[in-house]
Amino acid sequence: MASIQVLGENRYRCFGCGSCCFGHAIELIDADEAARIEAAGEKLGVPNPVEGTGVRFEANRCVFHGQDNLCQIHKELG
């Protein structure tokens, strides 16, 4: 059974600015999370979305960061 990591109340609201997915690393918690990101990449046509211990970046932005400044994982997969 996987452990749950509680990070506190979600005080996040997306404004579509892209600042959360731009210019810094997005580290993955464990192998299960990496597998979920790999599966999302396959569904969304994003090749090799995991690099090392984090989400792969291209041109200083997350590979799932769309041209509309929205996360394609959340937008397309919920």
N, C-alpha and C. Protein backbone atom coordinates (compact mmCIF):
# COMPACT_ATOMS: atom_id res chain seq x y z
N MET A 1 0.85 -1.18 0.00
CA MET A 1 0.00 0.00 0.00
C MET A 1 0.89 1.24 0.00
N ALA A 2 0.58 2.18 -0.85
CA ALA A 2 1.38 3.40 -0.97
C ALA A 2 1.10 4.34 0.20
N SER A 3 2.13 5.03 0.64
CA SER A 3 1.95 6.01 1.70
C SER A 3 1.45 7.32 1.10
N ILE A 4 0.78 8.08 1.93
CA ILE A 4 0.24 9.37 1.50
C ILE A 4 1.04 10.47 2.16
N GLN A 5 1.45 11.43 1.38
CA GLN A 5 2.20 12.57 1.90
C GLN A 5 1.28 13.78 1.89
N VAL A 6 0.97 14.29 3.06
CA VAL A 6 0.08 15.45 3.17
C VAL A 6 0.93 16.70 3.19
N LEU A 7 0.66 17.58 2.26
CA LEU A 7 1.45 18.80 2.14
C LEU A 7 0.73 20.03 2.69
N GLY A 8 -0.44 19.84 3.26
CA GLY A 8 -1.20 20.96 3.80
C GLY A 8 -2.33 21.34 2.87
N GLU A 9 -3.10 22.31 3.28
CA GLU A 9 -4.25 22.77 2.50
C GLU A 9 -3.79 23.34 1.17
N ASN A 10 -4.51 23.02 0.12
CA ASN A 10 -4.20 23.54 -1.21
C ASN A 10 -4.65 24.99 -1.28
N ARG A 11 -3.70 25.88 -1.39
CA ARG A 11 -4.02 27.31 -1.50
C ARG A 11 -3.64 27.82 -2.88
N TYR A 12 -3.82 26.97 -3.85
CA TYR A 12 -3.38 27.23 -5.21
C TYR A 12 -4.58 27.53 -6.10
N ARG A 13 -4.43 28.51 -6.95
CA ARG A 13 -5.44 28.81 -7.93
C ARG A 13 -4.72 29.12 -9.24
N CYS A 14 -5.10 28.44 -10.30
CA CYS A 14 -4.44 28.63 -11.57
C CYS A 14 -4.94 29.90 -12.26
N PHE A 15 -3.98 30.76 -12.64
CA PHE A 15 -4.30 31.97 -13.38
C PHE A 15 -3.81 31.87 -14.82
N GLY A 16 -3.25 30.71 -15.20
CA GLY A 16 -2.78 30.51 -16.55
C GLY A 16 -1.55 31.33 -16.90
N CYS A 17 -0.77 31.71 -15.86
CA CYS A 17 0.41 32.53 -16.11
C CYS A 17 1.63 31.68 -16.46
N GLY A 18 1.62 30.40 -16.09
CA GLY A 18 2.72 29.50 -16.39
C GLY A 18 3.87 29.56 -15.43
N SER A 19 3.82 30.42 -14.42
CA SER A 19 4.98 30.58 -13.53
C SER A 19 5.28 29.34 -12.70
N CYS A 20 4.31 28.48 -12.45
CA CYS A 20 4.56 27.29 -11.64
C CYS A 20 5.29 26.22 -12.43
N CYS A 21 5.28 26.27 -13.73
CA CYS A 21 5.90 25.24 -14.57
C CYS A 21 7.03 25.80 -15.41
N PHE A 22 7.58 26.92 -15.01
CA PHE A 22 8.58 27.59 -15.81
C PHE A 22 9.79 27.95 -14.94
N GLY A 23 10.97 27.54 -15.36
CA GLY A 23 12.19 27.99 -14.72
C GLY A 23 12.65 27.26 -13.48
N HIS A 24 11.95 26.21 -13.05
CA HIS A 24 12.42 25.44 -11.91
C HIS A 24 12.07 23.97 -12.08
N ALA A 25 12.80 23.11 -11.39
CA ALA A 25 12.61 21.67 -11.52
C ALA A 25 11.34 21.21 -10.83
N ILE A 26 10.70 20.20 -11.40
CA ILE A 26 9.54 19.56 -10.79
C ILE A 26 9.98 18.14 -10.45
N GLU A 27 10.35 17.94 -9.19
CA GLU A 27 10.85 16.65 -8.74
C GLU A 27 9.68 15.70 -8.48
N LEU A 28 9.91 14.42 -8.74
CA LEU A 28 8.90 13.40 -8.53
C LEU A 28 9.15 12.70 -7.20
N ILE A 29 8.07 12.35 -6.49
CA ILE A 29 8.16 11.80 -5.15
C ILE A 29 8.74 10.39 -5.14
N ASP A 30 8.26 9.54 -6.06
CA ASP A 30 8.71 8.14 -6.05
C ASP A 30 8.50 7.51 -7.42
N ALA A 31 8.80 6.22 -7.53
CA ALA A 31 8.68 5.50 -8.80
C ALA A 31 7.23 5.43 -9.28
N ASP A 32 6.27 5.35 -8.37
CA ASP A 32 4.86 5.32 -8.77
C ASP A 32 4.45 6.63 -9.45
N GLU A 33 4.91 7.75 -8.89
CA GLU A 33 4.59 9.04 -9.50
C GLU A 33 5.27 9.16 -10.87
N ALA A 34 6.49 8.68 -10.99
CA ALA A 34 7.19 8.70 -12.27
C ALA A 34 6.44 7.87 -13.30
N ALA A 35 5.90 6.73 -12.88
CA ALA A 35 5.12 5.87 -13.79
C ALA A 35 3.84 6.58 -14.23
N ARG A 36 3.20 7.31 -13.33
CA ARG A 36 1.98 8.06 -13.71
C ARG A 36 2.32 9.17 -14.72
N ILE A 37 3.46 9.83 -14.53
CA ILE A 37 3.87 10.88 -15.47
C ILE A 37 4.22 10.26 -16.82
N GLU A 38 4.89 9.11 -16.81
CA GLU A 38 5.20 8.41 -18.07
C GLU A 38 3.90 8.04 -18.79
N ALA A 39 2.90 7.54 -18.06
CA ALA A 39 1.62 7.17 -18.67
C ALA A 39 0.91 8.40 -19.23
N ALA A 40 0.96 9.51 -18.51
CA ALA A 40 0.35 10.75 -19.01
C ALA A 40 1.05 11.20 -20.28
N GLY A 41 2.37 11.08 -20.31
CA GLY A 41 3.12 11.44 -21.51
C GLY A 41 2.70 10.60 -22.71
N GLU A 42 2.50 9.32 -22.47
CA GLU A 42 2.07 8.44 -23.56
C GLU A 42 0.69 8.84 -24.08
N LYS A 43 -0.23 9.14 -23.19
CA LYS A 43 -1.59 9.54 -23.59
C LYS A 43 -1.60 10.88 -24.33
N LEU A 44 -0.70 11.78 -23.92
CA LEU A 44 -0.69 13.13 -24.50
C LEU A 44 0.32 13.30 -25.63
N GLY A 45 1.04 12.24 -25.97
CA GLY A 45 2.01 12.33 -27.05
C GLY A 45 3.27 13.10 -26.68
N VAL A 46 3.64 13.05 -25.40
CA VAL A 46 4.86 13.71 -24.93
C VAL A 46 5.91 12.62 -24.70
N PRO A 47 6.92 12.54 -25.57
CA PRO A 47 7.93 11.48 -25.42
C PRO A 47 8.88 11.75 -24.25
N ASN A 48 9.23 10.69 -23.55
CA ASN A 48 10.23 10.76 -22.47
C ASN A 48 9.99 11.92 -21.49
N PRO A 49 8.83 11.95 -20.83
CA PRO A 49 8.54 13.08 -19.95
C PRO A 49 9.33 13.09 -18.65
N VAL A 50 9.91 11.95 -18.26
CA VAL A 50 10.69 11.88 -17.03
C VAL A 50 12.17 11.85 -17.37
N GLU A 51 12.90 12.71 -16.68
CA GLU A 51 14.35 12.77 -16.87
C GLU A 51 15.01 12.80 -15.49
N GLY A 52 15.79 11.78 -15.19
CA GLY A 52 16.40 11.69 -13.86
C GLY A 52 15.32 11.48 -12.81
N THR A 53 15.24 12.39 -11.84
CA THR A 53 14.24 12.28 -10.77
C THR A 53 13.11 13.30 -10.91
N GLY A 54 12.97 13.88 -12.10
CA GLY A 54 11.95 14.90 -12.27
C GLY A 54 11.31 14.89 -13.64
N VAL A 55 10.41 15.82 -13.83
CA VAL A 55 9.75 16.00 -15.12
C VAL A 55 10.74 16.70 -16.05
N ARG A 56 10.82 16.23 -17.27
CA ARG A 56 11.75 16.80 -18.26
C ARG A 56 11.33 18.22 -18.62
N PHE A 57 12.33 19.06 -18.78
CA PHE A 57 12.10 20.44 -19.21
C PHE A 57 12.71 20.65 -20.59
N GLU A 58 12.06 21.47 -21.39
CA GLU A 58 12.56 21.92 -22.69
C GLU A 58 12.41 23.42 -22.74
N ALA A 59 13.43 24.10 -23.19
CA ALA A 59 13.39 25.56 -23.28
C ALA A 59 12.96 26.17 -21.94
N ASN A 60 13.48 25.59 -20.84
CA ASN A 60 13.25 26.10 -19.49
C ASN A 60 11.80 26.00 -19.01
N ARG A 61 11.03 25.07 -19.61
CA ARG A 61 9.64 24.89 -19.16
C ARG A 61 9.28 23.41 -19.18
N CYS A 62 8.34 23.04 -18.34
CA CYS A 62 7.87 21.66 -18.25
C CYS A 62 7.34 21.22 -19.60
N VAL A 63 7.62 19.96 -19.98
CA VAL A 63 7.18 19.46 -21.29
C VAL A 63 5.66 19.34 -21.38
N PHE A 64 4.96 19.42 -20.27
CA PHE A 64 3.49 19.38 -20.27
C PHE A 64 2.87 20.78 -20.26
N HIS A 65 3.71 21.81 -20.22
CA HIS A 65 3.23 23.19 -20.19
C HIS A 65 2.82 23.60 -21.60
N GLY A 66 1.52 23.78 -21.81
CA GLY A 66 1.01 24.08 -23.14
C GLY A 66 1.19 25.52 -23.56
N GLN A 67 0.99 25.76 -24.84
CA GLN A 67 1.09 27.12 -25.38
C GLN A 67 0.06 28.06 -24.76
N ASP A 68 -1.00 27.48 -24.19
CA ASP A 68 -2.04 28.28 -23.53
C ASP A 68 -1.70 28.56 -22.07
N ASN A 69 -0.47 28.24 -21.64
CA ASN A 69 0.02 28.41 -20.27
C ASN A 69 -0.71 27.53 -19.26
N LEU A 70 -1.31 26.46 -19.70
CA LEU A 70 -1.98 25.53 -18.82
C LEU A 70 -1.26 24.18 -18.82
N CYS A 71 -1.36 23.47 -17.72
CA CYS A 71 -0.79 22.14 -17.63
C CYS A 71 -1.66 21.18 -18.45
N GLN A 72 -1.06 20.55 -19.43
CA GLN A 72 -1.83 19.65 -20.30
C GLN A 72 -2.31 18.40 -19.56
N ILE A 73 -1.58 17.98 -18.52
CA ILE A 73 -2.04 16.84 -17.72
C ILE A 73 -3.37 17.18 -17.07
N HIS A 74 -3.43 18.32 -16.40
CA HIS A 74 -4.67 18.72 -15.73
C HIS A 74 -5.77 19.08 -16.73
N LYS A 75 -5.40 19.74 -17.78
CA LYS A 75 -6.38 20.17 -18.78
C LYS A 75 -7.01 18.99 -19.52
N GLU A 76 -6.19 18.04 -19.94
CA GLU A 76 -6.68 16.94 -20.78
C GLU A 76 -7.07 15.69 -20.00
N LEU A 77 -6.39 15.45 -18.88
CA LEU A 77 -6.60 14.20 -18.15
C LEU A 77 -7.27 14.38 -16.79
N GLY A 78 -7.52 15.61 -16.41
CA GLY A 78 -8.19 15.88 -15.15
C GLY A 78 -7.26 15.92 -14.04
